[in-house]
Amino acid sequence: MRSEDIDRLIAVTAHELRSPLSTILGYQELLAEGLIGSIDKVAGDALGRIRAAALQLLAITHGLEVLAGALHEPELQAVSLGPVIDDVAGRMSADAAARGIDIDFDAPPDVPVMAEPDTLPHALELAIYACLKARAGERLRVRYDSDGQHVLVHLTGDAVGLLPEPSLRPLRDEGGLDSALDGVGLRFAIVRRAIERIGGDFTRTDAHAGALTMRLRAAEPPGGRGAVDG
C-alpha cells in the first residue's frame, strides 16, 4: 500500500472513530451528573475511568489525524498552561495510582503558550500516559521553566528513565512503519508531530536520566509584559 493510501486510511478511520467516542462521552457526562438516574460513589468512580479511557482514545484519534496530515493549518492562540496541566492531572491520577506511580505536577498559575486549544492537552496527556505505560515506577515529575522565548515542560522520574530510545524515532523508517513501534512509541510519535505542528519540539534532554522535554513557544502575557519567567 502506498504511503498516501495509508495516510488516507488513517485519516478516514480517525474521523469515523470521533463520532462514537463523542457519544460515549456525552452519555457518560449525563450519567455522572445524575441526569439519567442517581449514581453512587462506586459507579461514579467507574464512570470516571470510562471518561478517562474515552478521552485517551479521543487524543489518539486526534493524533492519528495529525500524523496523516488530515487537519487544517494550525490556528495558534495564547493558551494558559496551568489549567491544561491541572485538567490532565485530574484525568491521569486514577490510572497512575493503579500502576503504583505518584505523579507530581508543578502547575504554573498562568503561563501562556502559543498552541491550538485542542492539540496541547491531547499531546500532554499522551506524553504522560506513555510514561505511565512504559513502566510502573515510583514517581513521575512534571516540571516547567522558561528560556525566555519558550516554556519548557519536563517529564522526569522512574517511569521516564527506562523509556527505550526508539520511542522518540519517527513513525516511519525507510522500510515503512517503524519496526520498533509499539503503544508507547505510537504515543510519542503523535506527541512529537503534534508539538512540531504548533511550532515547538519534544526531545530527550538527558540521555542518562531519560528526561523528556516539551518545548512550547511562549506567548506574550496579557498587557504585553514580556517573556515568561519560570
Foldseek 3Di string as FASTA:
>chain_A
DDPLVVLVVLLVVLVVVVVVLVVLLVVLVCVLVQVVHDDDPVRNVVSLLSNLVSVLSNLLSVLSCLVSVVDDQDDKDWDWQQVLQVVLCVSCVVVLVVLQEAEAEDRDPGFIFIAHPPLVSSLVNLLVVLLSVQHRDHYWYWDWWDPFFKIKTKIFDDSQQPDDPLLQPAQADPVGGDPPDDSSSSSNNSNQSSLVSRPWGWAQDDNRRRMIMTITGTDQPPPRPGTDGD
